[in-house]
PDB file of N, CA and C in Angstrom:
ATOM      1  N   MET A   1      42.086 -31.855 -14.825  1.00  0.00           N
ATOM      2  CA  MET A   1      40.847 -32.482 -14.430  1.00  0.00           C
ATOM      3  C   MET A   1      39.712 -31.896 -15.263  1.00  0.00           C
ATOM      4  N   GLU A   2      38.628 -32.650 -15.338  1.00  0.00           N
ATOM      5  CA  GLU A   2      37.486 -32.202 -16.126  1.00  0.00           C
ATOM      6  C   GLU A   2      36.187 -32.447 -15.376  1.00  0.00           C
ATOM      7  N   VAL A   3      35.224 -31.582 -15.632  1.00  0.00           N
ATOM      8  CA  VAL A   3      33.871 -31.709 -15.107  1.00  0.00           C
ATOM      9  C   VAL A   3      32.946 -31.758 -16.313  1.00  0.00           C
ATOM     10  N   ILE A   4      32.063 -32.759 -16.350  1.00  0.00           N
ATOM     11  CA  ILE A   4      31.101 -32.885 -17.440  1.00  0.00           C
ATOM     12  C   ILE A   4      29.707 -32.757 -16.860  1.00  0.00           C
ATOM     13  N   GLY A   5      28.883 -31.923 -17.481  1.00  0.00           N
ATOM     14  CA  GLY A   5      27.521 -31.743 -16.998  1.00  0.00           C
ATOM     15  C   GLY A   5      26.770 -30.723 -17.825  1.00  0.00           C
ATOM     16  N   LYS A   6      25.639 -30.270 -17.264  1.00  0.00           N
ATOM     17  CA  LYS A   6      24.754 -29.327 -17.935  1.00  0.00           C
ATOM     18  C   LYS A   6      24.852 -27.980 -17.222  1.00  0.00           C
ATOM     19  N   ILE A   7      24.923 -26.905 -18.001  1.00  0.00           N
ATOM     20  CA  ILE A   7      25.011 -25.573 -17.415  1.00  0.00           C
ATOM     21  C   ILE A   7      23.701 -25.235 -16.712  1.00  0.00           C
ATOM     22  N   LYS A   8      23.803 -24.906 -15.434  1.00  0.00           N
ATOM     23  CA  LYS A   8      22.641 -24.497 -14.641  1.00  0.00           C
ATOM     24  C   LYS A   8      22.557 -22.980 -14.535  1.00  0.00           C
ATOM     25  N   LEU A   9      23.732 -22.316 -14.470  1.00  0.00           N
ATOM     26  CA  LEU A   9      23.750 -20.871 -14.271  1.00  0.00           C
ATOM     27  C   LEU A   9      25.058 -20.298 -14.798  1.00  0.00           C
ATOM     28  N   ILE A  10      24.956 -19.137 -15.433  1.00  0.00           N
ATOM     29  CA  ILE A  10      26.143 -18.380 -15.833  1.00  0.00           C
ATOM     30  C   ILE A  10      25.996 -16.998 -15.218  1.00  0.00           C
ATOM     31  N   GLY A  11      26.916 -16.649 -14.326  1.00  0.00           N
ATOM     32  CA  GLY A  11      26.864 -15.352 -13.662  1.00  0.00           C
ATOM     33  C   GLY A  11      27.403 -14.240 -14.534  1.00  0.00           C
ATOM     34  N   GLU A  12      27.152 -13.012 -14.084  1.00  0.00           N
ATOM     35  CA  GLU A  12      27.685 -11.830 -14.755  1.00  0.00           C
ATOM     36  C   GLU A  12      29.157 -11.668 -14.394  1.00  0.00           C
ATOM     37  N   THR A  13      29.898 -11.006 -15.252  1.00  0.00           N
ATOM     38  CA  THR A  13      31.302 -10.715 -14.963  1.00  0.00           C
ATOM     39  C   THR A  13      31.375  -9.681 -13.844  1.00  0.00           C
ATOM     40  N   GLN A  14      32.184  -9.980 -12.840  1.00  0.00           N
ATOM     41  CA  GLN A  14      32.396  -9.070 -11.716  1.00  0.00           C
ATOM     42  C   GLN A  14      33.820  -8.512 -11.814  1.00  0.00           C
ATOM     43  N   THR A  15      33.967  -7.225 -11.511  1.00  0.00           N
ATOM     44  CA  THR A  15      35.278  -6.582 -11.517  1.00  0.00           C
ATOM     45  C   THR A  15      35.560  -6.075 -10.111  1.00  0.00           C
ATOM     46  N   PHE A  16      36.781  -6.338  -9.601  1.00  0.00           N
ATOM     47  CA  PHE A  16      37.157  -5.984  -8.240  1.00  0.00           C
ATOM     48  C   PHE A  16      38.393  -5.106  -8.234  1.00  0.00           C
ATOM     49  N   GLY A  17      38.412  -4.132  -7.313  1.00  0.00           N
ATOM     50  CA  GLY A  17      39.607  -3.340  -7.052  1.00  0.00           C
ATOM     51  C   GLY A  17      40.023  -2.447  -8.192  1.00  0.00           C
ATOM     52  N   SER A  18      41.066  -1.693  -7.918  1.00  0.00           N
ATOM     53  CA  SER A  18      41.574  -0.747  -8.908  1.00  0.00           C
ATOM     54  C   SER A  18      42.409  -1.433  -9.990  1.00  0.00           C
ATOM     55  N   ASN A  19      42.825  -2.677  -9.729  1.00  0.00           N
ATOM     56  CA  ASN A  19      43.632  -3.388 -10.725  1.00  0.00           C
ATOM     57  C   ASN A  19      42.780  -4.077 -11.791  1.00  0.00           C
ATOM     58  N   GLY A  20      41.447  -4.055 -11.631  1.00  0.00           N
ATOM     59  CA  GLY A  20      40.556  -4.601 -12.651  1.00  0.00           C
ATOM     60  C   GLY A  20      40.454  -6.112 -12.665  1.00  0.00           C
ATOM     61  N   PHE A  21      40.683  -6.775 -11.505  1.00  0.00           N
ATOM     62  CA  PHE A  21      40.548  -8.230 -11.426  1.00  0.00           C
ATOM     63  C   PHE A  21      39.123  -8.607 -11.810  1.00  0.00           C
ATOM     64  N   ARG A  22      38.978  -9.575 -12.731  1.00  0.00           N
ATOM     65  CA  ARG A  22      37.656  -9.992 -13.213  1.00  0.00           C
ATOM     66  C   ARG A  22      37.398 -11.449 -12.849  1.00  0.00           C
ATOM     67  N   LYS A  23      36.118 -11.741 -12.547  1.00  0.00           N
ATOM     68  CA  LYS A  23      35.708 -13.101 -12.192  1.00  0.00           C
ATOM     69  C   LYS A  23      34.284 -13.322 -12.704  1.00  0.00           C
ATOM     70  N   ARG A  24      34.031 -14.562 -13.153  1.00  0.00           N
ATOM     71  CA  ARG A  24      32.691 -14.945 -13.599  1.00  0.00           C
ATOM     72  C   ARG A  24      32.443 -16.366 -13.141  1.00  0.00           C
ATOM     73  N   GLU A  25      31.250 -16.628 -12.600  1.00  0.00           N
ATOM     74  CA  GLU A  25      30.934 -17.937 -12.043  1.00  0.00           C
ATOM     75  C   GLU A  25      29.998 -18.717 -12.958  1.00  0.00           C
ATOM     76  N   LEU A  26      30.268 -20.007 -13.035  1.00  0.00           N
ATOM     77  CA  LEU A  26      29.484 -20.949 -13.829  1.00  0.00           C
ATOM     78  C   LEU A  26      29.071 -22.081 -12.899  1.00  0.00           C
ATOM     79  N   VAL A  27      27.801 -22.468 -12.936  1.00  0.00           N
ATOM     80  CA  VAL A  27      27.348 -23.621 -12.161  1.00  0.00           C
ATOM     81  C   VAL A  27      26.995 -24.729 -13.140  1.00  0.00           C
ATOM     82  N   VAL A  28      27.612 -25.899 -12.934  1.00  0.00           N
ATOM     83  CA  VAL A  28      27.390 -27.074 -13.782  1.00  0.00           C
ATOM     84  C   VAL A  28      26.785 -28.172 -12.917  1.00  0.00           C
ATOM     85  N   THR A  29      25.698 -28.784 -13.392  1.00  0.00           N
ATOM     86  CA  THR A  29      25.091 -29.927 -12.715  1.00  0.00           C
ATOM     87  C   THR A  29      25.597 -31.196 -13.376  1.00  0.00           C
ATOM     88  N   THR A  30      26.260 -32.046 -12.591  1.00  0.00           N
ATOM     89  CA  THR A  30      26.822 -33.282 -13.131  1.00  0.00           C
ATOM     90  C   THR A  30      25.714 -34.291 -13.390  1.00  0.00           C
ATOM     91  N   ASP A  31      25.979 -35.241 -14.275  1.00  0.00           N
ATOM     92  CA  ASP A  31      25.019 -36.291 -14.622  1.00  0.00           C
ATOM     93  C   ASP A  31      25.485 -37.584 -13.966  1.00  0.00           C
ATOM     94  N   GLU A  32      25.147 -37.746 -12.694  1.00  0.00           N
ATOM     95  CA  GLU A  32      25.548 -38.913 -11.912  1.00  0.00           C
ATOM     96  C   GLU A  32      24.335 -39.421 -11.153  1.00  0.00           C
ATOM     97  N   GLN A  33      24.503 -40.522 -10.441  1.00  0.00           N
ATOM     98  CA  GLN A  33      23.411 -41.031  -9.611  1.00  0.00           C
ATOM     99  C   GLN A  33      22.972 -39.972  -8.605  1.00  0.00           C
ATOM    100  N   TYR A  34      23.941 -39.273  -8.030  1.00  0.00           N
ATOM    101  CA  TYR A  34      23.675 -38.173  -7.110  1.00  0.00           C
ATOM    102  C   TYR A  34      24.269 -36.906  -7.721  1.00  0.00           C
ATOM    103  N   PRO A  35      23.492 -36.205  -8.569  1.00  0.00           N
ATOM    104  CA  PRO A  35      24.042 -35.035  -9.283  1.00  0.00           C
ATOM    105  C   PRO A  35      24.579 -33.985  -8.311  1.00  0.00           C
ATOM    106  N   GLN A  36      25.688 -33.382  -8.712  1.00  0.00           N
ATOM    107  CA  GLN A  36      26.321 -32.328  -7.928  1.00  0.00           C
ATOM    108  C   GLN A  36      26.218 -31.021  -8.707  1.00  0.00           C
ATOM    109  N   MET A  37      25.963 -29.932  -7.982  1.00  0.00           N
ATOM    110  CA  MET A  37      25.952 -28.603  -8.585  1.00  0.00           C
ATOM    111  C   MET A  37      27.263 -27.936  -8.199  1.00  0.00           C
ATOM    112  N   LEU A  38      28.181 -27.853  -9.154  1.00  0.00           N
ATOM    113  CA  LEU A  38      29.524 -27.346  -8.896  1.00  0.00           C
ATOM    114  C   LEU A  38      29.668 -25.924  -9.426  1.00  0.00           C
ATOM    115  N   MET A  39      30.147 -25.028  -8.563  1.00  0.00           N
ATOM    116  CA  MET A  39      30.408 -23.658  -8.961  1.00  0.00           C
ATOM    117  C   MET A  39      31.869 -23.575  -9.404  1.00  0.00           C
ATOM    118  N   ILE A  40      32.071 -23.145 -10.634  1.00  0.00           N
ATOM    119  CA  ILE A  40      33.407 -23.056 -11.229  1.00  0.00           C
ATOM    120  C   ILE A  40      33.665 -21.591 -11.550  1.00  0.00           C
ATOM    121  N   GLU A  41      34.813 -21.091 -11.104  1.00  0.00           N
ATOM    122  CA  GLU A  41      35.184 -19.701 -11.353  1.00  0.00           C
ATOM    123  C   GLU A  41      36.060 -19.595 -12.597  1.00  0.00           C
ATOM    124  N   PHE A  42      35.761 -18.610 -13.421  1.00  0.00           N
ATOM    125  CA  PHE A  42      36.635 -18.243 -14.535  1.00  0.00           C
ATOM    126  C   PHE A  42      37.164 -16.855 -14.206  1.00  0.00           C
ATOM    127  N   ILE A  43      38.487 -16.659 -14.288  1.00  0.00           N
ATOM    128  CA  ILE A  43      39.056 -15.378 -13.891  1.00  0.00           C
ATOM    129  C   ILE A  43      39.838 -14.743 -15.036  1.00  0.00           C
ATOM    130  N   GLN A  44      39.989 -13.410 -14.899  1.00  0.00           N
ATOM    131  CA  GLN A  44      40.745 -12.574 -15.829  1.00  0.00           C
ATOM    132  C   GLN A  44      40.292 -12.786 -17.276  1.00  0.00           C
ATOM    133  N   ASP A  45      41.191 -13.144 -18.194  1.00  0.00           N
ATOM    134  CA  ASP A  45      40.833 -13.268 -19.608  1.00  0.00           C
ATOM    135  C   ASP A  45      39.948 -14.486 -19.886  1.00  0.00           C
ATOM    136  N   LYS A  46      39.862 -15.427 -18.953  1.00  0.00           N
ATOM    137  CA  LYS A  46      39.046 -16.635 -19.163  1.00  0.00           C
ATOM    138  C   LYS A  46      37.547 -16.372 -19.015  1.00  0.00           C
ATOM    139  N   VAL A  47      37.150 -15.221 -18.435  1.00  0.00           N
ATOM    140  CA  VAL A  47      35.721 -14.922 -18.283  1.00  0.00           C
ATOM    141  C   VAL A  47      35.033 -14.842 -19.642  1.00  0.00           C
ATOM    142  N   ASP A  48      35.754 -14.427 -20.675  1.00  0.00           N
ATOM    143  CA  ASP A  48      35.170 -14.278 -22.008  1.00  0.00           C
ATOM    144  C   ASP A  48      34.850 -15.616 -22.664  1.00  0.00           C
ATOM    145  N   LEU A  49      35.419 -16.717 -22.160  1.00  0.00           N
ATOM    146  CA  LEU A  49      35.115 -18.038 -22.716  1.00  0.00           C
ATOM    147  C   LEU A  49      33.642 -18.385 -22.558  1.00  0.00           C
ATOM    148  N   LEU A  50      32.971 -17.797 -21.572  1.00  0.00           N
ATOM    149  CA  LEU A  50      31.578 -18.140 -21.289  1.00  0.00           C
ATOM    150  C   LEU A  50      30.583 -17.365 -22.156  1.00  0.00           C
ATOM    151  N   ASN A  51      31.042 -16.407 -22.931  1.00  0.00           N
ATOM    152  CA  ASN A  51      30.146 -15.554 -23.715  1.00  0.00           C
ATOM    153  C   ASN A  51      29.287 -16.323 -24.710  1.00  0.00           C
ATOM    154  N   SER A  52      29.784 -17.402 -25.257  1.00  0.00           N
ATOM    155  CA  SER A  52      29.032 -18.125 -26.296  1.00  0.00           C
ATOM    156  C   SER A  52      28.265 -19.323 -25.745  1.00  0.00           C
ATOM    157  N   TYR A  53      28.093 -19.398 -24.434  1.00  0.00           N
ATOM    158  CA  TYR A  53      27.364 -20.521 -23.825  1.00  0.00           C
ATOM    159  C   TYR A  53      26.100 -20.024 -23.162  1.00  0.00           C
ATOM    160  N   SER A  54      25.130 -20.956 -22.986  1.00  0.00           N
ATOM    161  CA  SER A  54      23.871 -20.592 -22.353  1.00  0.00           C
ATOM    162  C   SER A  54      23.394 -21.724 -21.453  1.00  0.00           C
ATOM    163  N   VAL A  55      22.456 -21.393 -20.587  1.00  0.00           N
ATOM    164  CA  VAL A  55      21.894 -22.358 -19.642  1.00  0.00           C
ATOM    165  C   VAL A  55      21.283 -23.526 -20.414  1.00  0.00           C
ATOM    166  N   GLY A  56      21.537 -24.749 -19.934  1.00  0.00           N
ATOM    167  CA  GLY A  56      20.975 -25.949 -20.540  1.00  0.00           C
ATOM    168  C   GLY A  56      21.932 -26.706 -21.449  1.00  0.00           C
ATOM    169  N   GLN A  57      23.032 -26.089 -21.841  1.00  0.00           N
ATOM    170  CA  GLN A  57      23.988 -26.769 -22.721  1.00  0.00           C
ATOM    171  C   GLN A  57      24.791 -27.805 -21.946  1.00  0.00           C
ATOM    172  N   ASP A  58      25.096 -28.920 -22.622  1.00  0.00           N
ATOM    173  CA  ASP A  58      25.990 -29.933 -22.067  1.00  0.00           C
ATOM    174  C   ASP A  58      27.421 -29.518 -22.388  1.00  0.00           C
ATOM    175  N   VAL A  59      28.274 -29.503 -21.353  1.00  0.00           N
ATOM    176  CA  VAL A  59      29.637 -29.022 -21.525  1.00  0.00           C
ATOM    177  C   VAL A  59      30.645 -29.904 -20.800  1.00  0.00           C
ATOM    178  N   LYS A  60      31.896 -29.766 -21.232  1.00  0.00           N
ATOM    179  CA  LYS A  60      33.038 -30.345 -20.523  1.00  0.00           C
ATOM    180  C   LYS A  60      33.944 -29.181 -20.168  1.00  0.00           C
ATOM    181  N   VAL A  61      34.231 -29.031 -18.862  1.00  0.00           N
ATOM    182  CA  VAL A  61      35.026 -27.912 -18.380  1.00  0.00           C
ATOM    183  C   VAL A  61      36.343 -28.444 -17.830  1.00  0.00           C
ATOM    184  N   SER A  62      37.444 -27.921 -18.325  1.00  0.00           N
ATOM    185  CA  SER A  62      38.767 -28.256 -17.784  1.00  0.00           C
ATOM    186  C   SER A  62      39.007 -27.350 -16.587  1.00  0.00           C
ATOM    187  N   ILE A  63      39.423 -27.963 -15.457  1.00  0.00           N
ATOM    188  CA  ILE A  63      39.526 -27.218 -14.207  1.00  0.00           C
ATOM    189  C   ILE A  63      40.859 -27.451 -13.506  1.00  0.00           C
ATOM    190  N   ASN A  64      41.166 -26.543 -12.600  1.00  0.00           N
ATOM    191  CA  ASN A  64      42.246 -26.696 -11.632  1.00  0.00           C
ATOM    192  C   ASN A  64      41.632 -26.494 -10.254  1.00  0.00           C
ATOM    193  N   LEU A  65      42.056 -27.298  -9.276  1.00  0.00           N
ATOM    194  CA  LEU A  65      41.638 -27.116  -7.893  1.00  0.00           C
ATOM    195  C   LEU A  65      42.638 -26.187  -7.228  1.00  0.00           C
ATOM    196  N   ARG A  66      42.134 -25.202  -6.508  1.00  0.00           N
ATOM    197  CA  ARG A  66      42.981 -24.237  -5.812  1.00  0.00           C
ATOM    198  C   ARG A  66      42.648 -24.279  -4.322  1.00  0.00           C
ATOM    199  N   GLY A  67      43.666 -24.150  -3.476  1.00  0.00           N
ATOM    200  CA  GLY A  67      43.474 -24.104  -2.037  1.00  0.00           C
ATOM    201  C   GLY A  67      44.363 -23.036  -1.432  1.00  0.00           C
ATOM    202  N   ARG A  68      43.892 -22.429  -0.336  1.00  0.00           N
ATOM    203  CA  ARG A  68      44.705 -21.402   0.326  1.00  0.00           C
ATOM    204  C   ARG A  68      44.415 -21.394   1.819  1.00  0.00           C
ATOM    205  N   GLU A  69      45.360 -20.864   2.546  1.00  0.00           N
ATOM    206  CA  GLU A  69      45.255 -20.755   4.001  1.00  0.00           C
ATOM    207  C   GLU A  69      45.070 -19.281   4.366  1.00  0.00           C
ATOM    208  N   TRP A  70      44.242 -19.028   5.385  1.00  0.00           N
ATOM    209  CA  TRP A  70      44.044 -17.682   5.897  1.00  0.00           C
ATOM    210  C   TRP A  70      44.107 -17.744   7.410  1.00  0.00           C
ATOM    211  N   ILE A  71      44.854 -16.866   7.999  1.00  0.00           N
ATOM    212  CA  ILE A  71      44.955 -16.799   9.456  1.00  0.00           C
ATOM    213  C   ILE A  71      44.037 -15.672   9.926  1.00  0.00           C
ATOM    214  N   ASN A  72      43.026 -16.017  10.751  1.00  0.00           N
ATOM    215  CA  ASN A  72      42.075 -15.005  11.224  1.00  0.00           C
ATOM    216  C   ASN A  72      42.703 -14.158  12.335  1.00  0.00           C
ATOM    217  N   PRO A  73      42.037 -13.093  12.759  1.00  0.00           N
ATOM    218  CA  PRO A  73      42.605 -12.215  13.794  1.00  0.00           C
ATOM    219  C   PRO A  73      42.900 -12.928  15.126  1.00  0.00           C
ATOM    220  N   GLN A  74      42.247 -14.043  15.388  1.00  0.00           N
ATOM    221  CA  GLN A  74      42.510 -14.799  16.604  1.00  0.00           C
ATOM    222  C   GLN A  74      43.697 -15.758  16.437  1.00  0.00           C
ATOM    223  N   GLY A  75      44.303 -15.771  15.263  1.00  0.00           N
ATOM    224  CA  GLY A  75      45.461 -16.616  15.012  1.00  0.00           C
ATOM    225  C   GLY A  75      45.121 -18.024  14.564  1.00  0.00           C
ATOM    226  N   GLU A  76      43.843 -18.286  14.286  1.00  0.00           N
ATOM    227  CA  GLU A  76      43.423 -19.621  13.844  1.00  0.00           C
ATOM    228  C   GLU A  76      43.537 -19.720  12.318  1.00  0.00           C
ATOM    229  N   ALA A  77      44.002 -20.857  11.852  1.00  0.00           N
ATOM    230  CA  ALA A  77      44.127 -21.084  10.411  1.00  0.00           C
ATOM    231  C   ALA A  77      42.792 -21.570   9.848  1.00  0.00           C
ATOM    232  N   LYS A  78      42.395 -20.965   8.755  1.00  0.00           N
ATOM    233  CA  LYS A  78      41.200 -21.383   8.012  1.00  0.00           C
ATOM    234  C   LYS A  78      41.649 -21.733   6.596  1.00  0.00           C
ATOM    235  N   TYR A  79      40.994 -22.726   6.011  1.00  0.00           N
ATOM    236  CA  TYR A  79      41.382 -23.184   4.680  1.00  0.00           C
ATOM    237  C   TYR A  79      40.202 -23.052   3.729  1.00  0.00           C
ATOM    238  N   PHE A  80      40.493 -22.628   2.508  1.00  0.00           N
ATOM    239  CA  PHE A  80      39.478 -22.407   1.489  1.00  0.00           C
ATOM    240  C   PHE A  80      39.891 -23.104   0.206  1.00  0.00           C
ATOM    241  N   ASN A  81      38.898 -23.648  -0.488  1.00  0.00           N
ATOM    242  CA  ASN A  81      39.118 -24.305  -1.779  1.00  0.00           C
ATOM    243  C   ASN A  81      38.307 -23.593  -2.847  1.00  0.00           C
ATOM    244  N   SER A  82      38.784 -23.636  -4.074  1.00  0.00           N
ATOM    245  CA  SER A  82      38.017 -23.118  -5.206  1.00  0.00           C
ATOM    246  C   SER A  82      38.308 -23.987  -6.427  1.00  0.00           C
ATOM    247  N   ILE A  83      37.374 -23.948  -7.355  1.00  0.00           N
ATOM    248  CA  ILE A  83      37.515 -24.654  -8.629  1.00  0.00           C
ATOM    249  C   ILE A  83      37.624 -23.588  -9.710  1.00  0.00           C
ATOM    250  N   GLN A  84      38.744 -23.575 -10.429  1.00  0.00           N
ATOM    251  CA  GLN A  84      38.944 -22.588 -11.484  1.00  0.00           C
ATOM    252  C   GLN A  84      38.903 -23.261 -12.851  1.00  0.00           C
ATOM    253  N   GLY A  85      38.057 -22.728 -13.713  1.00  0.00           N
ATOM    254  CA  GLY A  85      37.970 -23.225 -15.078  1.00  0.00           C
ATOM    255  C   GLY A  85      38.946 -22.499 -15.980  1.00  0.00           C
ATOM    256  N   TRP A  86      39.486 -23.227 -16.940  1.00  0.00           N
ATOM    257  CA  TRP A  86      40.403 -22.601 -17.900  1.00  0.00           C
ATOM    258  C   TRP A  86      40.068 -22.952 -19.336  1.00  0.00           C
ATOM    259  N   ARG A  87      39.129 -23.886 -19.536  1.00  0.00           N
ATOM    260  CA  ARG A  87      38.653 -24.218 -20.889  1.00  0.00           C
ATOM    261  C   ARG A  87      37.256 -24.791 -20.766  1.00  0.00           C
ATOM    262  N   ILE A  88      36.418 -24.538 -21.763  1.00  0.00           N
ATOM    263  CA  ILE A  88      35.068 -25.093 -21.788  1.00  0.00           C
ATOM    264  C   ILE A  88      34.775 -25.554 -23.211  1.00  0.00           C
ATOM    265  N   GLU A  89      34.108 -26.708 -23.304  1.00  0.00           N
ATOM    266  CA  GLU A  89      33.833 -27.324 -24.605  1.00  0.00           C
ATOM    267  C   GLU A  89      32.360 -27.718 -24.660  1.00  0.00           C
ATOM    268  N   ASN A  90      31.708 -27.393 -25.763  1.00  0.00           N
ATOM    269  CA  ASN A  90      30.299 -27.726 -25.961  1.00  0.00           C
ATOM    270  C   ASN A  90      30.171 -29.206 -26.327  1.00  0.00           C
ATOM    271  N   LEU A  91      29.345 -29.944 -25.582  1.00  0.00           N
ATOM    272  CA  LEU A  91      29.125 -31.352 -25.886  1.00  0.00           C
ATOM    273  C   LEU A  91      27.785 -31.592 -26.579  1.00  0.00           C
ATOM    274  N   SER A  92      26.957 -30.564 -26.704  1.00  0.00           N
ATOM    275  CA  SER A  92      25.666 -30.692 -27.380  1.00  0.00           C
ATOM    276  C   SER A  92      25.913 -30.913 -28.863  1.00  0.00           C
ATOM    277  N   GLN A  93      25.265 -31.904 -29.413  1.00  0.00           N
ATOM    278  CA  GLN A  93      25.443 -32.218 -30.833  1.00  0.00           C
ATOM    279  C   GLN A  93      24.422 -31.450 -31.649  1.00  0.00           C
ATOM    280  N   ALA A  94      24.892 -30.479 -32.389  1.00  0.00           N
ATOM    281  CA  ALA A  94      24.018 -29.713 -33.273  1.00  0.00           C
ATOM    282  C   ALA A  94      24.124 -30.292 -34.676  1.00  0.00           C
ATOM    283  N   ALA A  95      22.984 -30.484 -35.304  1.00  0.00           N
ATOM    284  CA  ALA A  95      22.977 -31.022 -36.664  1.00  0.00           C
ATOM    285  C   ALA A  95      23.459 -29.951 -37.637  1.00  0.00           C
ATOM    286  N   PRO A  96      24.297 -30.313 -38.610  1.00  0.00           N
ATOM    287  CA  PRO A  96      24.713 -29.332 -39.620  1.00  0.00           C
ATOM    288  C   PRO A  96      23.494 -28.812 -40.364  1.00  0.00           C
ATOM    289  N   GLN A  97      23.428 -27.506 -40.559  1.00  0.00           N
ATOM    290  CA  GLN A  97      22.229 -26.918 -41.152  1.00  0.00           C
ATOM    291  C   GLN A  97      22.351 -26.703 -42.653  1.00  0.00           C
ATOM    292  N   ASP A  98      23.533 -26.823 -43.229  1.00  0.00           N
ATOM    293  CA  ASP A  98      23.678 -26.536 -44.647  1.00  0.00           C
ATOM    294  C   ASP A  98      23.737 -27.789 -45.519  1.00  0.00           C
ATOM    295  N   LEU A  99      23.477 -28.965 -44.964  1.00  0.00           N
ATOM    296  CA  LEU A  99      23.461 -30.185 -45.755  1.00  0.00           C
ATOM    297  C   LEU A  99      22.023 -30.546 -46.124  1.00  0.00           C
ATOM    298  N   PRO A 100      21.798 -30.983 -47.365  1.00  0.00           N
ATOM    299  CA  PRO A 100      20.441 -31.403 -47.737  1.00  0.00           C
ATOM    300  C   PRO A 100      20.097 -32.731 -47.065  1.00  0.00           C
ATOM    301  N   PRO A 101      18.806 -33.062 -46.963  1.00  0.00           N
ATOM    302  CA  PRO A 101      18.418 -34.345 -46.376  1.00  0.00           C
ATOM    303  C   PRO A 101      19.023 -35.511 -47.154  1.00  0.00           C
ATOM    304  N   ALA A 102      19.250 -36.628 -46.486  1.00  0.00           N
ATOM    305  CA  ALA A 102      19.907 -37.785 -47.099  1.00  0.00           C
ATOM    306  C   ALA A 102      19.145 -38.323 -48.300  1.00  0.00           C
ATOM    307  N   GLY A 103      17.840 -38.161 -48.332  1.00  0.00           N
ATOM    308  CA  GLY A 103      17.020 -38.661 -49.439  1.00  0.00           C
ATOM    309  C   GLY A 103      17.281 -37.941 -50.755  1.00  0.00           C
ATOM    310  N   GLN A 104      17.921 -36.794 -50.737  1.00  0.00           N
ATOM    311  CA  GLN A 104      18.182 -36.037 -51.960  1.00  0.00           C
ATOM    312  C   GLN A 104      19.474 -36.464 -52.663  1.00  0.00           C
ATOM    313  N   PHE A 105      20.250 -37.342 -52.071  1.00  0.00           N
ATOM    314  CA  PHE A 105      21.479 -37.818 -52.689  1.00  0.00           C
ATOM    315  C   PHE A 105      21.187 -39.027 -53.560  1.00  0.00           C
ATOM    316  N   GLU A 106      21.874 -39.124 -54.707  1.00  0.00           N
ATOM    317  CA  GLU A 106      21.751 -40.293 -55.575  1.00  0.00           C
ATOM    318  C   GLU A 106      22.821 -41.299 -55.192  1.00  0.00           C
ATOM    319  N   PRO A 107      22.528 -42.602 -55.275  1.00  0.00           N
ATOM    320  CA  PRO A 107      23.561 -43.587 -54.956  1.00  0.00           C
ATOM    321  C   PRO A 107      24.695 -43.522 -55.976  1.00  0.00           C
ATOM    322  N   ALA A 108      25.901 -43.797 -55.508  1.00  0.00           N
ATOM    323  CA  ALA A 108      27.071 -43.797 -56.380  1.00  0.00           C
ATOM    324  C   ALA A 108      27.022 -45.003 -57.314  1.00  0.00           C
ATOM    325  N   PRO A 109      27.539 -44.869 -58.544  1.00  0.00           N
ATOM    326  CA  PRO A 109      27.562 -46.016 -59.459  1.00  0.00           C
ATOM    327  C   PRO A 109      28.561 -47.055 -58.948  1.00  0.00           C
ATOM    328  N   ASP A 110      28.391 -48.296 -59.442  1.00  0.00           N
ATOM    329  CA  ASP A 110      29.298 -49.371 -59.034  1.00  0.00           C
ATOM    330  C   ASP A 110      30.620 -49.178 -59.771  1.00  0.00           C
ATOM    331  N   LEU A 111      31.603 -48.680 -59.051  1.00  0.00           N
ATOM    332  CA  LEU A 111      32.898 -48.374 -59.670  1.00  0.00           C
ATOM    333  C   LEU A 111      33.707 -49.633 -59.956  1.00  0.00           C
ATOM    334  N   MET A 112      33.422 -50.713 -59.289  1.00  0.00           N
ATOM    335  CA  MET A 112      34.217 -51.936 -59.441  1.00  0.00           C
ATOM    336  C   MET A 112      33.942 -52.657 -60.768  1.00  0.00           C
ATOM    337  N   SER A 113      32.803 -52.426 -61.407  1.00  0.00           N
ATOM    338  CA  SER A 113      32.464 -53.172 -62.609  1.00  0.00           C
ATOM    339  C   SER A 113      33.378 -52.798 -63.792  1.00  0.00           C
ATOM    340  N   ASP A 114      33.851 -51.570 -63.881  1.00  0.00           N
ATOM    341  CA  ASP A 114      34.667 -51.141 -64.998  1.00  0.00           C
ATOM    342  C   ASP A 114      36.166 -51.160 -64.717  1.00  0.00           C
ATOM    343  N   GLU A 115      36.551 -51.355 -63.480  1.00  0.00           N
ATOM    344  CA  GLU A 115      37.951 -51.268 -63.101  1.00  0.00           C
ATOM    345  C   GLU A 115      38.642 -52.624 -63.267  1.00  0.00           C
ATOM    346  N   PRO A 116      39.827 -52.652 -63.916  1.00  0.00           N
ATOM    347  CA  PRO A 116      40.576 -53.922 -63.997  1.00  0.00           C
ATOM    348  C   PRO A 116      41.198 -54.256 -62.627  1.00  0.00           C
ATOM    349  N   ASP A 117      41.348 -55.515 -62.384  1.00  0.00           N
ATOM    350  CA  ASP A 117      41.941 -55.966 -61.115  1.00  0.00           C
ATOM    351  C   ASP A 117      43.432 -56.122 -61.326  1.00  0.00           C
ATOM    352  N   ASP A 118      44.163 -54.988 -61.292  1.00  0.00           N
ATOM    353  CA  ASP A 118      45.594 -55.029 -61.567  1.00  0.00           C
ATOM    354  C   ASP A 118      46.446 -54.732 -60.320  1.00  0.00           C
ATOM    355  N   LEU A 119      45.871 -54.855 -59.155  1.00  0.00           N
ATOM    356  CA  LEU A 119      46.639 -54.609 -57.930  1.00  0.00           C
ATOM    357  C   LEU A 119      47.584 -55.771 -57.685  1.00  0.00           C
ATOM    358  N   PRO A 120      48.818 -55.484 -57.201  1.00  0.00           N
ATOM    359  CA  PRO A 120      49.820 -56.537 -57.036  1.00  0.00           C
ATOM    360  C   PRO A 120      49.617 -57.391 -55.788  1.00  0.00           C
ATOM    361  N   PHE A 121      48.580 -57.201 -55.044  1.00  0.00           N
ATOM    362  CA  PHE A 121      48.408 -58.027 -53.832  1.00  0.00           C
ATOM    363  C   PHE A 121      47.014 -58.589 -53.735  1.00  0.00           C
TER     364      PHE A 121
END
């Protein structure tokens, strides 16, 4: 599944427990009639994917939906959902910076005037 929208917030990397579990949260605002602000978790080695992104960028995030059950001390079942990101792609179109303006190019010569028409079809 994918979520497309604009980055609203990128959280700091959080580390939990002695095993070094890492998590980082990203909030994306969708571009719909009724925009949604979706919190997407990146965990473990995927937290580093967010290092090159910033607030305001248009992105496409590949996600997995996760669900789990928890039984509270009273024996009642509670259910929790999360959205986990595993890939992020920049959708903002940046203009190439090393190309000269189009006005500096010369038009190509007419190559057809000197070429014989010897194609078999």
